[in-house]
C-alpha atoms as a PDB file:
ATOM      1  CA  MET A   1      41.603  25.920 -16.441  1.00  0.00           C
ATOM      2  CA  LYS A   2      41.868  22.493 -18.917  1.00  0.00           C
ATOM      3  CA  LYS A   3      42.321  20.454 -15.645  1.00  0.00           C
ATOM      4  CA  LEU A   4      39.282  21.827 -14.013  1.00  0.00           C
ATOM      5  CA  THR A   5      37.235  21.425 -17.420  1.00  0.00           C
ATOM      6  CA  SER A   6      38.544  17.968 -17.688  1.00  0.00           C
ATOM      7  CA  LEU A   7      37.687  17.218 -13.986  1.00  0.00           C
ATOM      8  CA  ALA A   8      34.047  18.511 -14.763  1.00  0.00           C
ATOM      9  CA  VAL A   9      33.511  16.037 -17.690  1.00  0.00           C
ATOM     10  CA  LEU A  10      34.963  13.047 -15.843  1.00  0.00           C
ATOM     11  CA  LEU A  11      32.362  13.942 -12.898  1.00  0.00           C
ATOM     12  CA  SER A  12      29.683  14.386 -15.540  1.00  0.00           C
ATOM     13  CA  LEU A  13      30.319  11.047 -16.937  1.00  0.00           C
ATOM     14  CA  ALA A  14      30.638   9.567 -13.508  1.00  0.00           C
ATOM     15  CA  PHE A  15      27.090  10.625 -12.438  1.00  0.00           C
ATOM     16  CA  SER A  16      25.659   9.683 -16.012  1.00  0.00           C
ATOM     17  CA  ALA A  17      26.996   6.262 -15.504  1.00  0.00           C
ATOM     18  CA  SER A  18      25.785   6.214 -12.126  1.00  0.00           C
ATOM     19  CA  ALA A  19      22.207   7.424 -13.444  1.00  0.00           C
ATOM     20  CA  LEU A  20      21.970   4.950 -15.946  1.00  0.00           C
ATOM     21  CA  ALA A  21      22.962   2.008 -13.783  1.00  0.00           C
ATOM     22  CA  LYS A  22      20.150  -0.757 -14.153  1.00  0.00           C
ATOM     23  CA  ASP A  23      18.169  -2.569 -11.195  1.00  0.00           C
ATOM     24  CA  ASN A  24      18.333  -6.129 -11.123  1.00  0.00           C
ATOM     25  CA  ILE A  25      15.285  -7.986 -11.519  1.00  0.00           C
ATOM     26  CA  ALA A  26      15.844 -11.810 -11.318  1.00  0.00           C
ATOM     27  CA  LEU A  27      13.959 -14.807 -12.988  1.00  0.00           C
ATOM     28  CA  VAL A  28      14.282 -18.247 -11.401  1.00  0.00           C
ATOM     29  CA  VAL A  29      12.736 -20.698 -13.655  1.00  0.00           C
ATOM     30  CA  SER A  30      11.870 -24.270 -13.449  1.00  0.00           C
ATOM     31  CA  THR A  31      13.533 -25.704 -16.340  1.00  0.00           C
ATOM     32  CA  LEU A  32      14.843 -24.416 -20.001  1.00  0.00           C
ATOM     33  CA  ASN A  33      14.415 -27.764 -21.218  1.00  0.00           C
ATOM     34  CA  ASN A  34      11.044 -27.186 -22.335  1.00  0.00           C
ATOM     35  CA  PRO A  35       9.719 -24.693 -25.013  1.00  0.00           C
ATOM     36  CA  PHE A  36       7.246 -23.402 -22.656  1.00  0.00           C
ATOM     37  CA  PHE A  37       9.504 -22.077 -20.367  1.00  0.00           C
ATOM     38  CA  VAL A  38      11.909 -20.827 -22.967  1.00  0.00           C
ATOM     39  CA  SER A  39       9.234 -18.816 -24.237  1.00  0.00           C
ATOM     40  CA  LEU A  40       8.280 -17.216 -20.806  1.00  0.00           C
ATOM     41  CA  LYS A  41      11.977 -16.489 -20.500  1.00  0.00           C
ATOM     42  CA  GLU A  42      12.023 -14.723 -23.586  1.00  0.00           C
ATOM     43  CA  GLY A  43       8.818 -12.774 -22.788  1.00  0.00           C
ATOM     44  CA  ALA A  44      10.442 -11.401 -19.600  1.00  0.00           C
ATOM     45  CA  GLN A  45      13.757 -10.632 -21.350  1.00  0.00           C
ATOM     46  CA  LYS A  46      12.276  -8.463 -24.085  1.00  0.00           C
ATOM     47  CA  GLU A  47      10.036  -6.430 -21.226  1.00  0.00           C
ATOM     48  CA  ALA A  48      13.090  -6.270 -19.141  1.00  0.00           C
ATOM     49  CA  ASP A  49      14.956  -4.545 -22.113  1.00  0.00           C
ATOM     50  CA  LYS A  50      12.200  -2.292 -22.859  1.00  0.00           C
ATOM     51  CA  LEU A  51      11.823  -1.134 -19.417  1.00  0.00           C
ATOM     52  CA  GLY A  52      15.630  -0.583 -18.737  1.00  0.00           C
ATOM     53  CA  TYR A  53      16.091  -3.532 -16.340  1.00  0.00           C
ATOM     54  CA  ASN A  54      18.886  -5.931 -15.956  1.00  0.00           C
ATOM     55  CA  LEU A  55      17.302  -9.541 -16.040  1.00  0.00           C
ATOM     56  CA  ILE A  56      19.305 -12.269 -14.197  1.00  0.00           C
ATOM     57  CA  VAL A  57      17.922 -15.639 -15.377  1.00  0.00           C
ATOM     58  CA  LEU A  58      18.890 -18.885 -13.504  1.00  0.00           C
ATOM     59  CA  ASP A  59      17.707 -22.527 -14.333  1.00  0.00           C
ATOM     60  CA  SER A  60      16.931 -24.785 -11.708  1.00  0.00           C
ATOM     61  CA  GLN A  61      16.694 -27.758 -13.918  1.00  0.00           C
ATOM     62  CA  ASN A  62      13.450 -29.192 -12.506  1.00  0.00           C
ATOM     63  CA  ASN A  63      15.596 -29.545  -9.066  1.00  0.00           C
ATOM     64  CA  PRO A  64      13.979 -28.201  -5.727  1.00  0.00           C
ATOM     65  CA  ALA A  65      17.629 -28.257  -4.376  1.00  0.00           C
ATOM     66  CA  LYS A  66      18.879 -26.262  -7.115  1.00  0.00           C
ATOM     67  CA  GLU A  67      16.103 -23.895  -7.103  1.00  0.00           C
ATOM     68  CA  LEU A  68      16.896 -23.021  -3.345  1.00  0.00           C
ATOM     69  CA  ALA A  69      20.790 -22.585  -4.019  1.00  0.00           C
ATOM     70  CA  ASN A  70      19.507 -20.347  -7.331  1.00  0.00           C
ATOM     71  CA  VAL A  71      17.435 -17.824  -4.686  1.00  0.00           C
ATOM     72  CA  GLN A  72      20.535 -17.968  -2.046  1.00  0.00           C
ATOM     73  CA  ASP A  73      22.609 -16.929  -4.887  1.00  0.00           C
ATOM     74  CA  LEU A  74      20.422 -14.149  -5.880  1.00  0.00           C
ATOM     75  CA  THR A  75      20.034 -12.708  -2.352  1.00  0.00           C
ATOM     76  CA  VAL A  76      23.554 -11.458  -2.538  1.00  0.00           C
ATOM     77  CA  ARG A  77      23.746 -10.242  -5.990  1.00  0.00           C
ATOM     78  CA  GLY A  78      21.758  -6.898  -5.436  1.00  0.00           C
ATOM     79  CA  THR A  79      18.240  -8.604  -6.930  1.00  0.00           C
ATOM     80  CA  LYS A  80      15.382  -5.842  -6.129  1.00  0.00           C
ATOM     81  CA  VAL A  81      12.266  -8.275  -7.106  1.00  0.00           C
ATOM     82  CA  MET A  82      12.226 -12.032  -7.840  1.00  0.00           C
ATOM     83  CA  LEU A  83      10.368 -13.556 -10.238  1.00  0.00           C
ATOM     84  CA  ILE A  84       9.978 -17.504  -9.546  1.00  0.00           C
ATOM     85  CA  ASN A  85       8.710 -20.194 -11.842  1.00  0.00           C
ATOM     86  CA  PRO A  86       8.597 -22.966  -9.007  1.00  0.00           C
ATOM     87  CA  THR A  87       9.574 -26.558  -9.742  1.00  0.00           C
ATOM     88  CA  ASP A  88       7.325 -27.666  -7.222  1.00  0.00           C
ATOM     89  CA  SER A  89       4.615 -25.728  -5.216  1.00  0.00           C
ATOM     90  CA  ASP A  90       5.402 -27.176  -1.718  1.00  0.00           C
ATOM     91  CA  ALA A  91       9.481 -27.334  -2.172  1.00  0.00           C
ATOM     92  CA  VAL A  92       9.801 -23.578  -3.203  1.00  0.00           C
ATOM     93  CA  GLY A  93       8.082 -22.515   0.008  1.00  0.00           C
ATOM     94  CA  ASN A  94      11.485 -22.563   1.456  1.00  0.00           C
ATOM     95  CA  ALA A  95      13.313 -20.712  -1.247  1.00  0.00           C
ATOM     96  CA  VAL A  96      10.269 -17.900  -1.092  1.00  0.00           C
ATOM     97  CA  LYS A  97      11.008 -17.512   2.670  1.00  0.00           C
ATOM     98  CA  MET A  98      14.699 -17.157   1.880  1.00  0.00           C
ATOM     99  CA  ALA A  99      13.767 -14.092  -0.469  1.00  0.00           C
ATOM    100  CA  ASN A 100      11.399 -12.864   2.155  1.00  0.00           C
ATOM    101  CA  GLN A 101      14.307 -13.134   4.953  1.00  0.00           C
ATOM    102  CA  ALA A 102      16.406 -10.910   2.416  1.00  0.00           C
ATOM    103  CA  ASN A 103      13.510  -8.332   2.038  1.00  0.00           C
ATOM    104  CA  ILE A 104      13.183  -9.162  -1.878  1.00  0.00           C
ATOM    105  CA  PRO A 105       9.892  -9.106  -3.198  1.00  0.00           C
ATOM    106  CA  VAL A 106       8.644 -12.424  -4.785  1.00  0.00           C
ATOM    107  CA  ILE A 107       6.260 -12.810  -7.824  1.00  0.00           C
ATOM    108  CA  THR A 108       5.130 -16.422  -8.877  1.00  0.00           C
ATOM    109  CA  LEU A 109       4.797 -17.304 -12.398  1.00  0.00           C
ATOM    110  CA  ASP A 110       2.519 -20.233 -13.675  1.00  0.00           C
ATOM    111  CA  ARG A 111       2.780 -22.270 -10.609  1.00  0.00           C
ATOM    112  CA  VAL A 112       1.847 -21.244  -7.136  1.00  0.00           C
ATOM    113  CA  ALA A 113       4.159 -21.313  -3.933  1.00  0.00           C
ATOM    114  CA  SER A 114       2.326 -23.016  -0.901  1.00  0.00           C
ATOM    115  CA  ALA A 115       4.251 -21.179   1.641  1.00  0.00           C
ATOM    116  CA  GLY A 116       6.164 -17.737   2.086  1.00  0.00           C
ATOM    117  CA  GLU A 117       4.951 -14.377   1.376  1.00  0.00           C
ATOM    118  CA  VAL A 118       4.116 -13.743  -2.461  1.00  0.00           C
ATOM    119  CA  VAL A 119       3.209 -10.167  -3.506  1.00  0.00           C
ATOM    120  CA  SER A 120       1.521 -11.439  -6.992  1.00  0.00           C
ATOM    121  CA  HIS A 121       0.752 -14.622  -9.023  1.00  0.00           C
ATOM    122  CA  VAL A 122       0.771 -14.543 -12.561  1.00  0.00           C
ATOM    123  CA  ALA A 123      -0.909 -17.511 -14.629  1.00  0.00           C
ATOM    124  CA  SER A 124      -3.526 -18.720 -16.674  1.00  0.00           C
ATOM    125  CA  ASP A 125      -6.711 -20.221 -15.195  1.00  0.00           C
ATOM    126  CA  ASN A 126      -5.369 -23.978 -15.283  1.00  0.00           C
ATOM    127  CA  ARG A 127      -8.761 -25.350 -13.907  1.00  0.00           C
ATOM    128  CA  PHE A 128     -10.877 -23.680 -16.367  1.00  0.00           C
ATOM    129  CA  GLY A 129      -8.133 -24.822 -19.207  1.00  0.00           C
ATOM    130  CA  GLY A 130      -8.556 -28.443 -17.774  1.00  0.00           C
ATOM    131  CA  LYS A 131     -12.267 -28.320 -18.118  1.00  0.00           C
ATOM    132  CA  MET A 132     -12.068 -26.693 -21.566  1.00  0.00           C
ATOM    133  CA  ALA A 133     -10.171 -29.480 -22.964  1.00  0.00           C
ATOM    134  CA  GLY A 134     -12.750 -32.074 -21.467  1.00  0.00           C
ATOM    135  CA  ASP A 135     -15.645 -30.236 -23.035  1.00  0.00           C
ATOM    136  CA  PHE A 136     -13.944 -30.101 -26.076  1.00  0.00           C
ATOM    137  CA  ILE A 137     -13.594 -34.055 -26.197  1.00  0.00           C
ATOM    138  CA  ALA A 138     -17.068 -34.519 -25.343  1.00  0.00           C
ATOM    139  CA  LYS A 139     -18.062 -32.355 -28.179  1.00  0.00           C
ATOM    140  CA  LYS A 140     -16.269 -34.247 -30.608  1.00  0.00           C
ATOM    141  CA  LEU A 141     -16.834 -37.633 -29.272  1.00  0.00           C
ATOM    142  CA  GLY A 142     -20.119 -37.273 -26.998  1.00  0.00           C
ATOM    143  CA  ASP A 143     -20.797 -38.403 -23.370  1.00  0.00           C
ATOM    144  CA  GLY A 144     -19.134 -41.614 -22.060  1.00  0.00           C
ATOM    145  CA  ALA A 145     -16.105 -41.421 -24.334  1.00  0.00           C
ATOM    146  CA  ARG A 146     -12.864 -43.707 -23.231  1.00  0.00           C
ATOM    147  CA  ILE A 147     -10.164 -41.458 -22.029  1.00  0.00           C
ATOM    148  CA  ILE A 148      -6.323 -41.843 -21.076  1.00  0.00           C
ATOM    149  CA  GLU A 149      -4.891 -38.608 -19.010  1.00  0.00           C
ATOM    150  CA  LEU A 150      -1.216 -37.841 -19.063  1.00  0.00           C
ATOM    151  CA  GLN A 151      -0.564 -35.925 -15.772  1.00  0.00           C
ATOM    152  CA  GLY A 152       2.508 -33.523 -15.274  1.00  0.00           C
ATOM    153  CA  ILE A 153       5.010 -33.292 -12.544  1.00  0.00           C
ATOM    154  CA  ALA A 154       3.354 -34.252  -9.200  1.00  0.00           C
ATOM    155  CA  GLY A 155       3.182 -31.440  -6.598  1.00  0.00           C
ATOM    156  CA  THR A 156       2.819 -28.705  -9.370  1.00  0.00           C
ATOM    157  CA  SER A 157       0.012 -26.434  -8.921  1.00  0.00           C
ATOM    158  CA  ALA A 158      -0.390 -26.493 -12.843  1.00  0.00           C
ATOM    159  CA  ALA A 159      -0.751 -30.390 -12.889  1.00  0.00           C
ATOM    160  CA  ARG A 160      -3.003 -30.377  -9.678  1.00  0.00           C
ATOM    161  CA  GLU A 161      -5.360 -27.658 -11.000  1.00  0.00           C
ATOM    162  CA  ARG A 162      -5.290 -28.903 -14.603  1.00  0.00           C
ATOM    163  CA  GLY A 163      -6.439 -32.244 -13.273  1.00  0.00           C
ATOM    164  CA  GLU A 164      -9.066 -30.977 -11.346  1.00  0.00           C
ATOM    165  CA  GLY A 165     -10.475 -28.796 -14.294  1.00  0.00           C
ATOM    166  CA  PHE A 166     -10.244 -32.055 -16.348  1.00  0.00           C
ATOM    167  CA  ALA A 167     -12.155 -34.072 -13.643  1.00  0.00           C
ATOM    168  CA  GLN A 168     -15.040 -31.682 -13.487  1.00  0.00           C
ATOM    169  CA  ALA A 169     -15.461 -32.172 -17.241  1.00  0.00           C
ATOM    170  CA  VAL A 170     -15.160 -36.341 -16.551  1.00  0.00           C
ATOM    171  CA  LYS A 171     -17.922 -35.928 -14.128  1.00  0.00           C
ATOM    172  CA  ALA A 172     -20.245 -33.969 -16.325  1.00  0.00           C
ATOM    173  CA  HIS A 173     -19.511 -35.955 -19.657  1.00  0.00           C
ATOM    174  CA  ASN A 174     -19.556 -39.410 -17.776  1.00  0.00           C
ATOM    175  CA  PHE A 175     -16.323 -40.355 -19.547  1.00  0.00           C
ATOM    176  CA  LYS A 176     -14.760 -43.575 -18.835  1.00  0.00           C
ATOM    177  CA  VAL A 177     -10.918 -42.828 -17.704  1.00  0.00           C
ATOM    178  CA  LEU A 178      -9.141 -45.938 -18.621  1.00  0.00           C
ATOM    179  CA  ALA A 179      -5.763 -44.557 -17.027  1.00  0.00           C
ATOM    180  CA  SER A 180      -4.448 -41.361 -15.343  1.00  0.00           C
ATOM    181  CA  GLN A 181      -0.668 -41.424 -15.025  1.00  0.00           C
ATOM    182  CA  PRO A 182       2.355 -39.219 -14.527  1.00  0.00           C
ATOM    183  CA  ALA A 183       4.669 -37.994 -17.449  1.00  0.00           C
ATOM    184  CA  ASP A 184       6.354 -35.466 -16.087  1.00  0.00           C
ATOM    185  CA  PHE A 185       5.581 -32.900 -18.473  1.00  0.00           C
ATOM    186  CA  ASP A 186       8.044 -34.450 -20.660  1.00  0.00           C
ATOM    187  CA  ARG A 187       7.627 -35.643 -24.240  1.00  0.00           C
ATOM    188  CA  THR A 188      10.116 -38.892 -24.126  1.00  0.00           C
ATOM    189  CA  ARG A 189       8.244 -39.613 -20.801  1.00  0.00           C
ATOM    190  CA  GLY A 190       4.773 -39.037 -22.829  1.00  0.00           C
ATOM    191  CA  LEU A 191       5.978 -41.354 -25.484  1.00  0.00           C
ATOM    192  CA  ASN A 192       6.919 -44.251 -23.205  1.00  0.00           C
ATOM    193  CA  VAL A 193       4.028 -43.980 -20.800  1.00  0.00           C
ATOM    194  CA  MET A 194       1.647 -43.624 -23.765  1.00  0.00           C
ATOM    195  CA  GLN A 195       3.193 -47.021 -25.286  1.00  0.00           C
ATOM    196  CA  ASN A 196       2.793 -48.838 -22.119  1.00  0.00           C
ATOM    197  CA  LEU A 197      -0.866 -47.806 -21.614  1.00  0.00           C
ATOM    198  CA  LEU A 198      -1.927 -48.475 -25.378  1.00  0.00           C
ATOM    199  CA  THR A 199      -1.073 -52.291 -24.575  1.00  0.00           C
ATOM    200  CA  ALA A 200      -3.293 -52.434 -21.839  1.00  0.00           C
ATOM    201  CA  HIS A 201      -5.943 -50.108 -23.508  1.00  0.00           C
ATOM    202  CA  PRO A 202      -6.077 -50.476 -27.164  1.00  0.00           C
ATOM    203  CA  ASP A 203      -9.642 -49.181 -27.349  1.00  0.00           C
ATOM    204  CA  VAL A 204      -8.793 -45.362 -26.276  1.00  0.00           C
ATOM    205  CA  GLN A 205     -10.685 -42.706 -28.013  1.00  0.00           C
ATOM    206  CA  ALA A 206      -9.034 -39.619 -26.703  1.00  0.00           C
ATOM    207  CA  VAL A 207      -5.990 -38.667 -24.731  1.00  0.00           C
ATOM    208  CA  PHE A 208      -5.659 -35.484 -22.634  1.00  0.00           C
ATOM    209  CA  ALA A 209      -2.258 -34.384 -21.676  1.00  0.00           C
ATOM    210  CA  GLN A 210      -1.601 -31.879 -19.315  1.00  0.00           C
ATOM    211  CA  ASN A 211       1.045 -29.821 -21.401  1.00  0.00           C
ATOM    212  CA  ASP A 212       2.068 -30.104 -25.389  1.00  0.00           C
ATOM    213  CA  GLU A 213       5.192 -32.147 -24.483  1.00  0.00           C
ATOM    214  CA  MET A 214       3.492 -34.845 -23.348  1.00  0.00           C
ATOM    215  CA  ALA A 215       0.762 -34.700 -25.971  1.00  0.00           C
ATOM    216  CA  LEU A 216       3.668 -34.595 -28.705  1.00  0.00           C
ATOM    217  CA  GLY A 217       5.086 -37.675 -26.904  1.00  0.00           C
ATOM    218  CA  ALA A 218       1.940 -39.484 -26.854  1.00  0.00           C
ATOM    219  CA  LEU A 219       0.865 -38.751 -30.510  1.00  0.00           C
ATOM    220  CA  ARG A 220       4.026 -40.104 -31.605  1.00  0.00           C
ATOM    221  CA  ALA A 221       3.281 -43.285 -29.734  1.00  0.00           C
ATOM    222  CA  LEU A 222      -0.260 -43.420 -31.614  1.00  0.00           C
ATOM    223  CA  GLN A 223       1.330 -43.042 -34.547  1.00  0.00           C
ATOM    224  CA  THR A 224       3.648 -45.888 -34.264  1.00  0.00           C
ATOM    225  CA  ALA A 225       0.591 -47.917 -33.543  1.00  0.00           C
ATOM    226  CA  GLY A 226      -1.275 -47.124 -36.386  1.00  0.00           C
ATOM    227  CA  LYS A 227      -4.089 -45.534 -34.254  1.00  0.00           C
ATOM    228  CA  THR A 228      -4.278 -42.291 -36.010  1.00  0.00           C
ATOM    229  CA  ASP A 229      -8.032 -41.820 -35.095  1.00  0.00           C
ATOM    230  CA  VAL A 230      -7.512 -41.287 -31.400  1.00  0.00           C
ATOM    231  CA  ILE A 231      -8.212 -37.628 -30.609  1.00  0.00           C
ATOM    232  CA  VAL A 232      -4.957 -35.890 -28.760  1.00  0.00           C
ATOM    233  CA  VAL A 233      -5.664 -32.577 -26.657  1.00  0.00           C
ATOM    234  CA  GLY A 234      -2.725 -30.617 -24.934  1.00  0.00           C
ATOM    235  CA  PHE A 235      -2.053 -27.828 -23.130  1.00  0.00           C
ATOM    236  CA  ASP A 236       0.098 -24.653 -23.265  1.00  0.00           C
ATOM    237  CA  GLY A 237       0.041 -23.972 -26.972  1.00  0.00           C
ATOM    238  CA  THR A 238       3.910 -24.023 -27.449  1.00  0.00           C
ATOM    239  CA  ALA A 239       5.004 -23.528 -31.001  1.00  0.00           C
ATOM    240  CA  ASP A 240       5.388 -27.291 -31.850  1.00  0.00           C
ATOM    241  CA  GLY A 241       1.922 -27.898 -30.179  1.00  0.00           C
ATOM    242  CA  VAL A 242       0.369 -25.605 -32.446  1.00  0.00           C
ATOM    243  CA  LYS A 243       2.298 -26.641 -35.373  1.00  0.00           C
ATOM    244  CA  ALA A 244       1.328 -30.144 -34.757  1.00  0.00           C
ATOM    245  CA  VAL A 245      -2.606 -29.089 -34.393  1.00  0.00           C
ATOM    246  CA  GLU A 246      -2.343 -26.982 -37.713  1.00  0.00           C
ATOM    247  CA  GLY A 247      -0.659 -29.863 -39.510  1.00  0.00           C
ATOM    248  CA  GLY A 248      -3.776 -32.092 -38.728  1.00  0.00           C
ATOM    249  CA  LYS A 249      -1.698 -34.368 -36.308  1.00  0.00           C
ATOM    250  CA  MET A 250      -2.824 -32.988 -32.824  1.00  0.00           C
ATOM    251  CA  THR A 251      -6.335 -32.330 -32.407  1.00  0.00           C
ATOM    252  CA  ALA A 252      -6.440 -29.232 -30.137  1.00  0.00           C
ATOM    253  CA  THR A 253      -4.028 -27.504 -27.437  1.00  0.00           C
ATOM    254  CA  VAL A 254      -5.513 -25.187 -24.748  1.00  0.00           C
ATOM    255  CA  ALA A 255      -3.345 -22.307 -25.581  1.00  0.00           C
ATOM    256  CA  GLN A 256      -1.554 -20.111 -22.839  1.00  0.00           C
ATOM    257  CA  ARG A 257       0.883 -17.400 -23.765  1.00  0.00           C
ATOM    258  CA  PRO A 258       3.980 -17.933 -21.847  1.00  0.00           C
ATOM    259  CA  ASP A 259       5.672 -14.944 -23.374  1.00  0.00           C
ATOM    260  CA  GLN A 260       2.902 -12.979 -22.069  1.00  0.00           C
ATOM    261  CA  ILE A 261       3.369 -14.472 -18.339  1.00  0.00           C
ATOM    262  CA  GLY A 262       6.825 -13.292 -18.686  1.00  0.00           C
ATOM    263  CA  VAL A 263       6.038  -9.991 -20.012  1.00  0.00           C
ATOM    264  CA  ILE A 264       3.269  -9.320 -17.219  1.00  0.00           C
ATOM    265  CA  GLY A 265       5.645 -10.718 -14.507  1.00  0.00           C
ATOM    266  CA  VAL A 266       8.323  -8.089 -15.332  1.00  0.00           C
ATOM    267  CA  ASP A 267       5.554  -5.418 -15.537  1.00  0.00           C
ATOM    268  CA  THR A 268       4.229  -6.324 -12.211  1.00  0.00           C
ATOM    269  CA  ALA A 269       7.919  -6.325 -11.081  1.00  0.00           C
ATOM    270  CA  ASP A 270       8.220  -2.608 -12.422  1.00  0.00           C
ATOM    271  CA  LYS A 271       5.142  -1.361 -10.540  1.00  0.00           C
ATOM    272  CA  VAL A 272       6.519  -3.249  -7.225  1.00  0.00           C
ATOM    273  CA  LEU A 273       9.550  -1.131  -7.672  1.00  0.00           C
ATOM    274  CA  LYS A 274       7.748   1.926  -8.029  1.00  0.00           C
ATOM    275  CA  GLY A 275       5.821   1.330  -4.980  1.00  0.00           C
ATOM    276  CA  GLU A 276       2.295   0.880  -7.124  1.00  0.00           C
ATOM    277  CA  LYS A 277      -0.434  -1.292  -5.740  1.00  0.00           C
ATOM    278  CA  VAL A 278      -0.407  -4.699  -7.707  1.00  0.00           C
ATOM    279  CA  GLN A 279      -3.280  -7.429  -7.917  1.00  0.00           C
ATOM    280  CA  LYS A 280      -2.682 -10.488  -5.845  1.00  0.00           C
ATOM    281  CA  ILE A 281      -3.412 -12.941  -8.853  1.00  0.00           C
ATOM    282  CA  ILE A 282      -3.086 -11.662 -12.609  1.00  0.00           C
ATOM    283  CA  PRO A 283      -4.720 -14.032 -14.861  1.00  0.00           C
ATOM    284  CA  VAL A 284      -3.640 -14.633 -18.362  1.00  0.00           C
ATOM    285  CA  ASP A 285      -5.935 -15.299 -21.195  1.00  0.00           C
ATOM    286  CA  LEU A 286      -6.509 -18.775 -22.584  1.00  0.00           C
ATOM    287  CA  ASN A 287      -8.058 -20.022 -25.978  1.00  0.00           C
ATOM    288  CA  LEU A 288      -8.423 -23.330 -27.510  1.00  0.00           C
ATOM    289  CA  VAL A 289      -6.190 -23.741 -30.710  1.00  0.00           C
ATOM    290  CA  THR A 290      -8.170 -26.493 -32.981  1.00  0.00           C
ATOM    291  CA  GLN A 291      -7.829 -27.843 -36.507  1.00  0.00           C
ATOM    292  CA  LYS A 292      -9.209 -25.697 -39.142  1.00  0.00           C
END
């Protein structure tokens, strides 16, 4: 009798463990060497924990080949839904197609994929944010201001769309664009590029950087050159960016909520797994953070 009771208990425990097994959701992030994407990952992790999913996070290190290898790895690890923050909108197409072939639904975050089947895309309206930054500069300096633009990684939808939105403001306010040059969404690159551009364009009045990391690099270059009157506007609303604005150093940042992009990504994956209908494009709110 005792043996039967013990067997029943063991079977019950085995059943309970099986019932509590968590589904795997994967997050393939472009880089974790950027505070924006660290916040995105943290938001996704928090929501996955809340909803009872096992979140597998892989870092592509801004390398499309690494990204493809990450996706290939995940296709054999019991992944139910894949969240991808692309390194490059065009290059990620092969990775998305690989997931499609493995019948794993794909949700893109922040940057679109130019090829492959995606069930949903979660992002802020980058074009609107770029225009918002330009309109703010015009409000501070008036039409015809002399501007330098620091661009993100070529080939990413975020860089392209933010640039297109800013270009609308350039046209509307008749800005004189002294230079528009890539600094790859990187703080050190932003510093170096800005130092070089200042030599050629010492009369610059404002800088629009397509993310806060480049803006902070540009700010450092301007401070070193003693040009503290130049307006600097970033994009993303990272903790460092907002701190620089609140400290009176950076003039403004177009704030996304990367943590919310991660949260909404996991929520969307949850709906997909439950067979619920999801929006093809899910917008995340933007707001302009300025000095008090």
